[in-house]
């Protein structure tokens, strides 16, 4: 169950950053404030779920997994949803993160 919490923490973290990216260029009005609040709520849920995951997963394992998965999914989301360019360096960096996670969890 703890790894499920960690997976959902990643999903809520990526969701929060997607909301923030989506409103970055918007005028600061009531809609912007509402969406910003939604992003903050997603971030809060992410923190709660990450804390629950830490009950049984060592921090030295959980945080690299969380950060690496979040970075990878943000890169993918930025390309698929926001049309941002993904470079070879981005892909290589994600591969290095996953290699590091594999080594840390041994």
PDB file of N, CA and C in Angstrom:
ATOM      1  N   UNK A   1       0.824  -1.206   0.000  1.00  0.00           N
ATOM      2  CA  UNK A   1       0.000   0.000   0.000  1.00  0.00           C
ATOM      3  C   UNK A   1       0.863   1.263   0.000  1.00  0.00           C
ATOM      4  N   UNK A   2       2.025   1.187   0.645  1.00  0.00           N
ATOM      5  CA  UNK A   2       2.874   2.376   0.740  1.00  0.00           C
ATOM      6  C   UNK A   2       3.389   2.830  -0.620  1.00  0.00           C
ATOM      7  N   UNK A   3       3.668   1.867  -1.514  1.00  0.00           N
ATOM      8  CA  UNK A   3       4.110   2.256  -2.850  1.00  0.00           C
ATOM      9  C   UNK A   3       2.954   2.824  -3.674  1.00  0.00           C
ATOM     10  N   UNK A   4       1.740   2.408  -3.348  1.00  0.00           N
ATOM     11  CA  UNK A   4       0.574   3.009  -3.997  1.00  0.00           C
ATOM     12  C   UNK A   4       0.447   4.462  -3.570  1.00  0.00           C
ATOM     13  N   UNK A   5       0.636   4.729  -2.279  1.00  0.00           N
ATOM     14  CA  UNK A   5       0.638   6.119  -1.797  1.00  0.00           C
ATOM     15  C   UNK A   5       1.698   6.928  -2.538  1.00  0.00           C
ATOM     16  N   UNK A   6       2.863   6.332  -2.713  1.00  0.00           N
ATOM     17  CA  UNK A   6       3.957   7.035  -3.388  1.00  0.00           C
ATOM     18  C   UNK A   6       3.591   7.324  -4.848  1.00  0.00           C
ATOM     19  N   UNK A   7       2.974   6.369  -5.519  1.00  0.00           N
ATOM     20  CA  UNK A   7       2.553   6.582  -6.914  1.00  0.00           C
ATOM     21  C   UNK A   7       1.520   7.697  -7.012  1.00  0.00           C
ATOM     22  N   UNK A   8       0.558   7.696  -6.105  1.00  0.00           N
ATOM     23  CA  UNK A   8      -0.451   8.752  -6.126  1.00  0.00           C
ATOM     24  C   UNK A   8       0.152  10.105  -5.746  1.00  0.00           C
ATOM     25  N   UNK A   9       1.149  10.097  -4.864  1.00  0.00           N
ATOM     26  CA  UNK A   9       1.835  11.348  -4.519  1.00  0.00           C
ATOM     27  C   UNK A   9       2.490  11.936  -5.763  1.00  0.00           C
ATOM     28  N   UNK A  10       3.113  11.088  -6.565  1.00  0.00           N
ATOM     29  CA  UNK A  10       3.722  11.541  -7.818  1.00  0.00           C
ATOM     30  C   UNK A  10       2.652  12.117  -8.741  1.00  0.00           C
ATOM     31  N   UNK A  11       1.538  11.412  -8.863  1.00  0.00           N
ATOM     32  CA  UNK A  11       0.463  11.870  -9.761  1.00  0.00           C
ATOM     33  C   UNK A  11      -0.072  13.233  -9.323  1.00  0.00           C
ATOM     34  N   UNK A  12      -0.296  13.421  -8.033  1.00  0.00           N
ATOM     35  CA  UNK A  12      -0.797  14.707  -7.553  1.00  0.00           C
ATOM     36  C   UNK A  12       0.252  15.804  -7.694  1.00  0.00           C
ATOM     37  N   UNK A  13       1.526  15.457  -7.526  1.00  0.00           N
ATOM     38  CA  UNK A  13       2.599  16.433  -7.706  1.00  0.00           C
ATOM     39  C   UNK A  13       2.653  16.907  -9.158  1.00  0.00           C
ATOM     40  N   UNK A  14       2.610  15.966 -10.082  1.00  0.00           N
ATOM     41  CA  UNK A  14       2.637  16.307 -11.509  1.00  0.00           C
ATOM     42  C   UNK A  14       1.389  17.116 -11.867  1.00  0.00           C
ATOM     43  N   UNK A  15       0.247  16.720 -11.320  1.00  0.00           N
ATOM     44  CA  UNK A  15      -0.991  17.464 -11.568  1.00  0.00           C
ATOM     45  C   UNK A  15      -0.900  18.901 -11.099  1.00  0.00           C
ATOM     46  N   UNK A  16      -0.314  19.106  -9.926  1.00  0.00           N
ATOM     47  CA  UNK A  16      -0.159  20.462  -9.400  1.00  0.00           C
ATOM     48  C   UNK A  16       0.693  21.307 -10.339  1.00  0.00           C
ATOM     49  N   UNK A  17       1.814  20.755 -10.796  1.00  0.00           N
ATOM     50  CA  UNK A  17       2.672  21.522 -11.692  1.00  0.00           C
ATOM     51  C   UNK A  17       2.020  21.762 -13.044  1.00  0.00           C
ATOM     52  N   UNK A  18       1.189  20.831 -13.507  1.00  0.00           N
ATOM     53  CA  UNK A  18       0.461  21.031 -14.761  1.00  0.00           C
ATOM     54  C   UNK A  18      -0.521  22.192 -14.621  1.00  0.00           C
ATOM     55  N   UNK A  19      -1.197  22.269 -13.487  1.00  0.00           N
ATOM     56  CA  UNK A  19      -2.114  23.387 -13.252  1.00  0.00           C
ATOM     57  C   UNK A  19      -1.336  24.700 -13.237  1.00  0.00           C
ATOM     58  N   UNK A  20      -0.212  24.726 -12.536  1.00  0.00           N
ATOM     59  CA  UNK A  20       0.576  25.961 -12.460  1.00  0.00           C
ATOM     60  C   UNK A  20       1.083  26.388 -13.834  1.00  0.00           C
ATOM     61  N   UNK A  21       1.506  25.414 -14.660  1.00  0.00           N
ATOM     62  CA  UNK A  21       1.950  25.744 -16.018  1.00  0.00           C
ATOM     63  C   UNK A  21       0.783  26.288 -16.838  1.00  0.00           C
ATOM     64  N   UNK A  22      -0.386  25.679 -16.686  1.00  0.00           N
ATOM     65  CA  UNK A  22      -1.557  26.088 -17.461  1.00  0.00           C
ATOM     66  C   UNK A  22      -1.991  27.515 -17.144  1.00  0.00           C
ATOM     67  N   UNK A  23      -1.760  27.964 -15.921  1.00  0.00           N
ATOM     68  CA  UNK A  23      -2.206  29.316 -15.551  1.00  0.00           C
ATOM     69  C   UNK A  23      -1.083  30.339 -15.565  1.00  0.00           C
ATOM     70  N   UNK A  24       0.119  29.919 -15.897  1.00  0.00           N
ATOM     71  CA  UNK A  24       1.284  30.811 -15.809  1.00  0.00           C
ATOM     72  C   UNK A  24       1.121  32.098 -16.619  1.00  0.00           C
ATOM     73  N   UNK A  25       0.537  31.997 -17.792  1.00  0.00           N
ATOM     74  CA  UNK A  25       0.428  33.169 -18.662  1.00  0.00           C
ATOM     75  C   UNK A  25      -0.941  33.851 -18.575  1.00  0.00           C
ATOM     76  N   UNK A  26      -1.804  33.324 -17.725  1.00  0.00           N
ATOM     77  CA  UNK A  26      -3.151  33.895 -17.601  1.00  0.00           C
ATOM     78  C   UNK A  26      -3.130  35.188 -16.804  1.00  0.00           C
ATOM     79  N   UNK A  27      -4.131  35.999 -17.051  1.00  0.00           N
ATOM     80  CA  UNK A  27      -4.350  37.193 -16.235  1.00  0.00           C
ATOM     81  C   UNK A  27      -4.751  36.745 -14.826  1.00  0.00           C
ATOM     82  N   UNK A  28      -4.266  37.482 -13.842  1.00  0.00           N
ATOM     83  CA  UNK A  28      -4.575  37.134 -12.454  1.00  0.00           C
ATOM     84  C   UNK A  28      -5.966  37.645 -12.090  1.00  0.00           C
ATOM     85  N   UNK A  29      -6.940  36.778 -12.336  1.00  0.00           N
ATOM     86  CA  UNK A  29      -8.328  37.114 -12.046  1.00  0.00           C
ATOM     87  C   UNK A  29      -8.907  36.025 -11.143  1.00  0.00           C
ATOM     88  N   UNK A  30     -10.215  35.981 -11.030  1.00  0.00           N
ATOM     89  CA  UNK A  30     -10.865  35.005 -10.162  1.00  0.00           C
ATOM     90  C   UNK A  30     -10.655  33.575 -10.650  1.00  0.00           C
ATOM     91  N   UNK A  31     -10.685  33.377 -11.959  1.00  0.00           N
ATOM     92  CA  UNK A  31     -10.436  32.035 -12.509  1.00  0.00           C
ATOM     93  C   UNK A  31      -9.010  31.609 -12.190  1.00  0.00           C
ATOM     94  N   UNK A  32      -8.061  32.497 -12.384  1.00  0.00           N
ATOM     95  CA  UNK A  32      -6.659  32.203 -12.071  1.00  0.00           C
ATOM     96  C   UNK A  32      -6.517  31.828 -10.602  1.00  0.00           C
ATOM     97  N   UNK A  33      -7.130  32.611  -9.725  1.00  0.00           N
ATOM     98  CA  UNK A  33      -7.035  32.343  -8.289  1.00  0.00           C
ATOM     99  C   UNK A  33      -7.646  30.988  -7.938  1.00  0.00           C
ATOM    100  N   UNK A  34      -8.753  30.659  -8.575  1.00  0.00           N
ATOM    101  CA  UNK A  34      -9.391  29.359  -8.327  1.00  0.00           C
ATOM    102  C   UNK A  34      -8.500  28.214  -8.776  1.00  0.00           C
ATOM    103  N   UNK A  35      -7.931  28.349  -9.955  1.00  0.00           N
ATOM    104  CA  UNK A  35      -7.040  27.309 -10.457  1.00  0.00           C
ATOM    105  C   UNK A  35      -5.761  27.223  -9.622  1.00  0.00           C
ATOM    106  N   UNK A  36      -5.259  28.366  -9.195  1.00  0.00           N
ATOM    107  CA  UNK A  36      -4.080  28.373  -8.328  1.00  0.00           C
ATOM    108  C   UNK A  36      -4.391  27.628  -7.025  1.00  0.00           C
ATOM    109  N   UNK A  37      -5.565  27.879  -6.478  1.00  0.00           N
ATOM    110  CA  UNK A  37      -5.991  27.170  -5.274  1.00  0.00           C
ATOM    111  C   UNK A  37      -6.091  25.667  -5.509  1.00  0.00           C
ATOM    112  N   UNK A  38      -6.590  25.291  -6.681  1.00  0.00           N
ATOM    113  CA  UNK A  38      -6.663  23.867  -7.025  1.00  0.00           C
ATOM    114  C   UNK A  38      -5.259  23.262  -7.092  1.00  0.00           C
ATOM    115  N   UNK A  39      -4.312  23.992  -7.668  1.00  0.00           N
ATOM    116  CA  UNK A  39      -2.934  23.522  -7.721  1.00  0.00           C
ATOM    117  C   UNK A  39      -2.338  23.356  -6.336  1.00  0.00           C
ATOM    118  N   UNK A  40      -2.618  24.310  -5.460  1.00  0.00           N
ATOM    119  CA  UNK A  40      -2.144  24.199  -4.079  1.00  0.00           C
ATOM    120  C   UNK A  40      -2.760  23.000  -3.376  1.00  0.00           C
ATOM    121  N   UNK A  41      -4.045  22.758  -3.632  1.00  0.00           N
ATOM    122  CA  UNK A  41      -4.722  21.602  -3.031  1.00  0.00           C
ATOM    123  C   UNK A  41      -4.085  20.300  -3.514  1.00  0.00           C
ATOM    124  N   UNK A  42      -3.808  20.220  -4.815  1.00  0.00           N
ATOM    125  CA  UNK A  42      -3.134  19.032  -5.349  1.00  0.00           C
ATOM    126  C   UNK A  42      -1.773  18.839  -4.677  1.00  0.00           C
ATOM    127  N   UNK A  43      -1.052  19.935  -4.487  1.00  0.00           N
ATOM    128  CA  UNK A  43       0.240  19.862  -3.812  1.00  0.00           C
ATOM    129  C   UNK A  43       0.103  19.410  -2.365  1.00  0.00           C
ATOM    130  N   UNK A  44      -0.950  19.856  -1.695  1.00  0.00           N
ATOM    131  CA  UNK A  44      -1.187  19.435  -0.312  1.00  0.00           C
ATOM    132  C   UNK A  44      -1.508  17.951  -0.225  1.00  0.00           C
ATOM    133  N   UNK A  45      -2.329  17.467  -1.147  1.00  0.00           N
ATOM    134  CA  UNK A  45      -2.656  16.038  -1.176  1.00  0.00           C
ATOM    135  C   UNK A  45      -1.397  15.229  -1.469  1.00  0.00           C
ATOM    136  N   UNK A  46      -0.573  15.729  -2.375  1.00  0.00           N
ATOM    137  CA  UNK A  46       0.704  15.091  -2.682  1.00  0.00           C
ATOM    138  C   UNK A  46       1.535  14.940  -1.408  1.00  0.00           C
ATOM    139  N   UNK A  47       1.620  15.983  -0.612  1.00  0.00           N
ATOM    140  CA  UNK A  47       2.416  15.944   0.618  1.00  0.00           C
ATOM    141  C   UNK A  47       1.841  14.938   1.604  1.00  0.00           C
ATOM    142  N   UNK A  48       0.527  14.915   1.730  1.00  0.00           N
ATOM    143  CA  UNK A  48      -0.126  13.954   2.622  1.00  0.00           C
ATOM    144  C   UNK A  48       0.188  12.526   2.187  1.00  0.00           C
ATOM    145  N   UNK A  49       0.034  12.231   0.905  1.00  0.00           N
ATOM    146  CA  UNK A  49       0.287  10.887   0.403  1.00  0.00           C
ATOM    147  C   UNK A  49       1.756  10.492   0.543  1.00  0.00           C
ATOM    148  N   UNK A  50       2.648  11.434   0.292  1.00  0.00           N
ATOM    149  CA  UNK A  50       4.073  11.144   0.453  1.00  0.00           C
ATOM    150  C   UNK A  50       4.390  10.825   1.910  1.00  0.00           C
ATOM    151  N   UNK A  51       3.787  11.563   2.815  1.00  0.00           N
ATOM    152  CA  UNK A  51       3.989  11.312   4.245  1.00  0.00           C
ATOM    153  C   UNK A  51       3.478   9.926   4.627  1.00  0.00           C
ATOM    154  N   UNK A  52       2.323   9.535   4.097  1.00  0.00           N
ATOM    155  CA  UNK A  52       1.797   8.197   4.365  1.00  0.00           C
ATOM    156  C   UNK A  52       2.735   7.122   3.823  1.00  0.00           C
ATOM    157  N   UNK A  53       3.314   7.365   2.643  1.00  0.00           N
ATOM    158  CA  UNK A  53       4.252   6.399   2.067  1.00  0.00           C
ATOM    159  C   UNK A  53       5.488   6.241   2.939  1.00  0.00           C
ATOM    160  N   UNK A  54       5.892   7.324   3.589  1.00  0.00           N
ATOM    161  CA  UNK A  54       7.105   7.289   4.415  1.00  0.00           C
ATOM    162  C   UNK A  54       6.941   6.467   5.688  1.00  0.00           C
ATOM    163  N   UNK A  55       5.735   6.045   5.987  1.00  0.00           N
ATOM    164  CA  UNK A  55       5.539   5.193   7.167  1.00  0.00           C
ATOM    165  C   UNK A  55       6.338   3.910   7.058  1.00  0.00           C
ATOM    166  N   UNK A  56       6.452   3.378   5.850  1.00  0.00           N
ATOM    167  CA  UNK A  56       7.131   2.094   5.662  1.00  0.00           C
ATOM    168  C   UNK A  56       8.290   2.137   4.669  1.00  0.00           C
ATOM    169  N   UNK A  57       8.365   3.180   3.866  1.00  0.00           N
ATOM    170  CA  UNK A  57       9.442   3.275   2.879  1.00  0.00           C
ATOM    171  C   UNK A  57      10.504   4.225   3.420  1.00  0.00           C
ATOM    172  N   UNK A  58      11.747   3.786   3.332  1.00  0.00           N
ATOM    173  CA  UNK A  58      12.844   4.648   3.798  1.00  0.00           C
ATOM    174  C   UNK A  58      12.907   5.915   2.950  1.00  0.00           C
ATOM    175  N   UNK A  59      13.194   7.032   3.597  1.00  0.00           N
ATOM    176  CA  UNK A  59      13.292   8.314   2.899  1.00  0.00           C
ATOM    177  C   UNK A  59      14.352   8.271   1.807  1.00  0.00           C
ATOM    178  N   UNK A  60      15.458   7.593   2.078  1.00  0.00           N
ATOM    179  CA  UNK A  60      16.551   7.495   1.106  1.00  0.00           C
ATOM    180  C   UNK A  60      16.124   6.742  -0.147  1.00  0.00           C
ATOM    181  N   UNK A  61      15.041   5.993  -0.078  1.00  0.00           N
ATOM    182  CA  UNK A  61      14.497   5.293  -1.230  1.00  0.00           C
ATOM    183  C   UNK A  61      13.308   6.069  -1.795  1.00  0.00           C
ATOM    184  N   UNK A  62      12.416   6.505  -0.921  1.00  0.00           N
ATOM    185  CA  UNK A  62      11.168   7.144  -1.357  1.00  0.00           C
ATOM    186  C   UNK A  62      11.413   8.458  -2.095  1.00  0.00           C
ATOM    187  N   UNK A  63      12.287   9.298  -1.554  1.00  0.00           N
ATOM    188  CA  UNK A  63      12.460  10.603  -2.186  1.00  0.00           C
ATOM    189  C   UNK A  63      13.056  10.512  -3.585  1.00  0.00           C
ATOM    190  N   UNK A  64      14.118   9.738  -3.801  1.00  0.00           N
ATOM    191  CA  UNK A  64      14.623   9.628  -5.179  1.00  0.00           C
ATOM    192  C   UNK A  64      13.582   9.051  -6.139  1.00  0.00           C
ATOM    193  N   UNK A  65      12.800   8.077  -5.670  1.00  0.00           N
ATOM    194  CA  UNK A  65      11.751   7.522  -6.531  1.00  0.00           C
ATOM    195  C   UNK A  65      10.717   8.587  -6.858  1.00  0.00           C
ATOM    196  N   UNK A  66      10.297   9.340  -5.844  1.00  0.00           N
ATOM    197  CA  UNK A  66       9.307  10.400  -6.013  1.00  0.00           C
ATOM    198  C   UNK A  66       9.828  11.471  -6.974  1.00  0.00           C
ATOM    199  N   UNK A  67      11.028  11.943  -6.720  1.00  0.00           N
ATOM    200  CA  UNK A  67      11.599  13.020  -7.538  1.00  0.00           C
ATOM    201  C   UNK A  67      11.841  12.556  -8.970  1.00  0.00           C
ATOM    202  N   UNK A  68      12.406  11.373  -9.126  1.00  0.00           N
ATOM    203  CA  UNK A  68      12.693  10.865 -10.465  1.00  0.00           C
ATOM    204  C   UNK A  68      11.436  10.632 -11.286  1.00  0.00           C
ATOM    205  N   UNK A  69      10.438  10.030 -10.663  1.00  0.00           N
ATOM    206  CA  UNK A  69       9.184   9.786 -11.378  1.00  0.00           C
ATOM    207  C   UNK A  69       8.495  11.109 -11.702  1.00  0.00           C
ATOM    208  N   UNK A  70       8.525  12.043 -10.757  1.00  0.00           N
ATOM    209  CA  UNK A  70       7.896  13.346 -10.999  1.00  0.00           C
ATOM    210  C   UNK A  70       8.566  14.065 -12.156  1.00  0.00           C
ATOM    211  N   UNK A  71       9.887  14.077 -12.179  1.00  0.00           N
ATOM    212  CA  UNK A  71      10.622  14.743 -13.251  1.00  0.00           C
ATOM    213  C   UNK A  71      10.294  14.097 -14.597  1.00  0.00           C
ATOM    214  N   UNK A  72      10.310  12.782 -14.635  1.00  0.00           N
ATOM    215  CA  UNK A  72      10.046  12.080 -15.882  1.00  0.00           C
ATOM    216  C   UNK A  72       8.641  12.373 -16.396  1.00  0.00           C
ATOM    217  N   UNK A  73       7.648  12.309 -15.510  1.00  0.00           N
ATOM    218  CA  UNK A  73       6.274  12.553 -15.944  1.00  0.00           C
ATOM    219  C   UNK A  73       6.033  14.019 -16.293  1.00  0.00           C
ATOM    220  N   UNK A  74       6.720  14.933 -15.626  1.00  0.00           N
ATOM    221  CA  UNK A  74       6.590  16.349 -15.988  1.00  0.00           C
ATOM    222  C   UNK A  74       7.169  16.583 -17.381  1.00  0.00           C
ATOM    223  N   UNK A  75       8.290  15.959 -17.687  1.00  0.00           N
ATOM    224  CA  UNK A  75       8.880  16.094 -19.022  1.00  0.00           C
ATOM    225  C   UNK A  75       7.914  15.550 -20.081  1.00  0.00           C
ATOM    226  N   UNK A  76       7.349  14.367 -19.821  1.00  0.00           N
ATOM    227  CA  UNK A  76       6.397  13.784 -20.775  1.00  0.00           C
ATOM    228  C   UNK A  76       5.149  14.638 -20.914  1.00  0.00           C
ATOM    229  N   UNK A  77       4.609  15.093 -19.792  1.00  0.00           N
ATOM    230  CA  UNK A  77       3.402  15.917 -19.815  1.00  0.00           C
ATOM    231  C   UNK A  77       3.650  17.233 -20.539  1.00  0.00           C
ATOM    232  N   UNK A  78       4.809  17.833 -20.290  1.00  0.00           N
ATOM    233  CA  UNK A  78       5.106  19.107 -20.941  1.00  0.00           C
ATOM    234  C   UNK A  78       5.160  18.955 -22.453  1.00  0.00           C
ATOM    235  N   UNK A  79       5.631  17.805 -22.917  1.00  0.00           N
ATOM    236  CA  UNK A  79       5.680  17.564 -24.363  1.00  0.00           C
ATOM    237  C   UNK A  79       4.289  17.256 -24.922  1.00  0.00           C
ATOM    238  N   UNK A  80       3.566  16.385 -24.250  1.00  0.00           N
ATOM    239  CA  UNK A  80       2.278  15.928 -24.774  1.00  0.00           C
ATOM    240  C   UNK A  80       1.165  16.969 -24.642  1.00  0.00           C
ATOM    241  N   UNK A  81       1.124  17.658 -23.510  1.00  0.00           N
ATOM    242  CA  UNK A  81       0.017  18.582 -23.251  1.00  0.00           C
ATOM    243  C   UNK A  81       0.351  20.014 -23.650  1.00  0.00           C
ATOM    244  N   UNK A  82       1.583  20.444 -23.357  1.00  0.00           N
ATOM    245  CA  UNK A  82       1.943  21.836 -23.581  1.00  0.00           C
ATOM    246  C   UNK A  82       2.791  22.050 -24.832  1.00  0.00           C
ATOM    247  N   UNK A  83       3.099  20.963 -25.545  1.00  0.00           N
ATOM    248  CA  UNK A  83       3.839  21.081 -26.793  1.00  0.00           C
ATOM    249  C   UNK A  83       5.279  21.521 -26.634  1.00  0.00           C
ATOM    250  N   UNK A  84       5.838  21.330 -25.454  1.00  0.00           N
ATOM    251  CA  UNK A  84       7.235  21.712 -25.240  1.00  0.00           C
ATOM    252  C   UNK A  84       8.150  20.677 -25.876  1.00  0.00           C
ATOM    253  N   UNK A  85       9.308  21.127 -26.277  1.00  0.00           N
ATOM    254  CA  UNK A  85      10.272  20.263 -26.930  1.00  0.00           C
ATOM    255  C   UNK A  85      11.022  19.435 -25.896  1.00  0.00           C
ATOM    256  N   UNK A  86      11.143  18.147 -26.157  1.00  0.00           N
ATOM    257  CA  UNK A  86      11.916  17.247 -25.299  1.00  0.00           C
ATOM    258  C   UNK A  86      13.214  16.948 -26.031  1.00  0.00           C
ATOM    259  N   UNK A  87      14.314  17.319 -25.416  1.00  0.00           N
ATOM    260  CA  UNK A  87      15.613  17.132 -26.063  1.00  0.00           C
ATOM    261  C   UNK A  87      16.225  15.784 -25.676  1.00  0.00           C
ATOM    262  N   UNK A  88      17.275  15.444 -26.372  1.00  0.00           N
ATOM    263  CA  UNK A  88      18.031  14.235 -26.045  1.00  0.00           C
ATOM    264  C   UNK A  88      18.571  14.347 -24.626  1.00  0.00           C
ATOM    265  N   UNK A  89      18.966  15.547 -24.224  1.00  0.00           N
ATOM    266  CA  UNK A  89      19.470  15.745 -22.864  1.00  0.00           C
ATOM    267  C   UNK A  89      18.381  15.461 -21.828  1.00  0.00           C
ATOM    268  N   UNK A  90      17.126  15.835 -22.135  1.00  0.00           N
ATOM    269  CA  UNK A  90      16.023  15.532 -21.221  1.00  0.00           C
ATOM    270  C   UNK A  90      15.850  14.027 -21.055  1.00  0.00           C
ATOM    271  N   UNK A  91      15.868  13.318 -22.152  1.00  0.00           N
ATOM    272  CA  UNK A  91      15.699  11.860 -22.115  1.00  0.00           C
ATOM    273  C   UNK A  91      16.883  11.213 -21.397  1.00  0.00           C
ATOM    274  N   UNK A  92      18.079  11.676 -21.695  1.00  0.00           N
ATOM    275  CA  UNK A  92      19.269  11.131 -21.034  1.00  0.00           C
ATOM    276  C   UNK A  92      19.229  11.415 -19.537  1.00  0.00           C
ATOM    277  N   UNK A  93      18.793  12.605 -19.167  1.00  0.00           N
ATOM    278  CA  UNK A  93      18.683  12.941 -17.751  1.00  0.00           C
ATOM    279  C   UNK A  93      17.686  12.054 -17.033  1.00  0.00           C
ATOM    280  N   UNK A  94      16.539  11.805 -17.655  1.00  0.00           N
ATOM    281  CA  UNK A  94      15.539  10.919 -17.061  1.00  0.00           C
ATOM    282  C   UNK A  94      16.100   9.505 -16.911  1.00  0.00           C
ATOM    283  N   UNK A  95      16.845   9.047 -17.911  1.00  0.00           N
ATOM    284  CA  UNK A  95      17.453   7.715 -17.834  1.00  0.00           C
ATOM    285  C   UNK A  95      18.466   7.642 -16.696  1.00  0.00           C
ATOM    286  N   UNK A  96      19.245   8.700 -16.527  1.00  0.00           N
ATOM    287  CA  UNK A  96      20.208   8.735 -15.418  1.00  0.00           C
ATOM    288  C   UNK A  96      19.506   8.719 -14.065  1.00  0.00           C
ATOM    289  N   UNK A  97      18.403   9.440 -13.966  1.00  0.00           N
ATOM    290  CA  UNK A  97      17.635   9.458 -12.708  1.00  0.00           C
ATOM    291  C   UNK A  97      17.151   8.047 -12.396  1.00  0.00           C
ATOM    292  N   UNK A  98      16.593   7.360 -13.382  1.00  0.00           N
ATOM    293  CA  UNK A  98      16.103   6.008 -13.133  1.00  0.00           C
ATOM    294  C   UNK A  98      17.238   5.045 -12.807  1.00  0.00           C
ATOM    295  N   UNK A  99      18.386   5.228 -13.424  1.00  0.00           N
ATOM    296  CA  UNK A  99      19.550   4.403 -13.086  1.00  0.00           C
ATOM    297  C   UNK A  99      19.962   4.648 -11.641  1.00  0.00           C
ATOM    298  N   UNK A 100      19.991   5.909 -11.255  1.00  0.00           N
ATOM    299  CA  UNK A 100      20.318   6.252  -9.869  1.00  0.00           C
ATOM    300  C   UNK A 100      19.323   5.670  -8.883  1.00  0.00           C
ATOM    301  N   UNK A 101      18.047   5.714  -9.209  1.00  0.00           N
ATOM    302  CA  UNK A 101      17.019   5.134  -8.335  1.00  0.00           C
ATOM    303  C   UNK A 101      17.232   3.636  -8.195  1.00  0.00           C
ATOM    304  N   UNK A 102      17.520   2.976  -9.307  1.00  0.00           N
ATOM    305  CA  UNK A 102      17.761   1.529  -9.256  1.00  0.00           C
ATOM    306  C   UNK A 102      18.940   1.204  -8.355  1.00  0.00           C
ATOM    307  N   UNK A 103      19.987   2.017  -8.441  1.00  0.00           N
ATOM    308  CA  UNK A 103      21.157   1.776  -7.597  1.00  0.00           C
ATOM    309  C   UNK A 103      20.882   2.079  -6.128  1.00  0.00           C
ATOM    310  N   UNK A 104      20.092   3.103  -5.864  1.00  0.00           N
ATOM    311  CA  UNK A 104      19.773   3.468  -4.480  1.00  0.00           C
ATOM    312  C   UNK A 104      18.876   2.448  -3.784  1.00  0.00           C
ATOM    313  N   UNK A 105      18.036   1.788  -4.539  1.00  0.00           N
ATOM    314  CA  UNK A 105      17.081   0.864  -3.925  1.00  0.00           C
ATOM    315  C   UNK A 105      17.637  -0.541  -3.735  1.00  0.00           C
ATOM    316  N   UNK A 106      18.871  -0.759  -4.067  1.00  0.00           N
ATOM    317  CA  UNK A 106      19.486  -2.089  -3.880  1.00  0.00           C
ATOM    318  C   UNK A 106      19.936  -2.283  -2.473  1.00  0.00           C
TER     319      UNK A 106
END
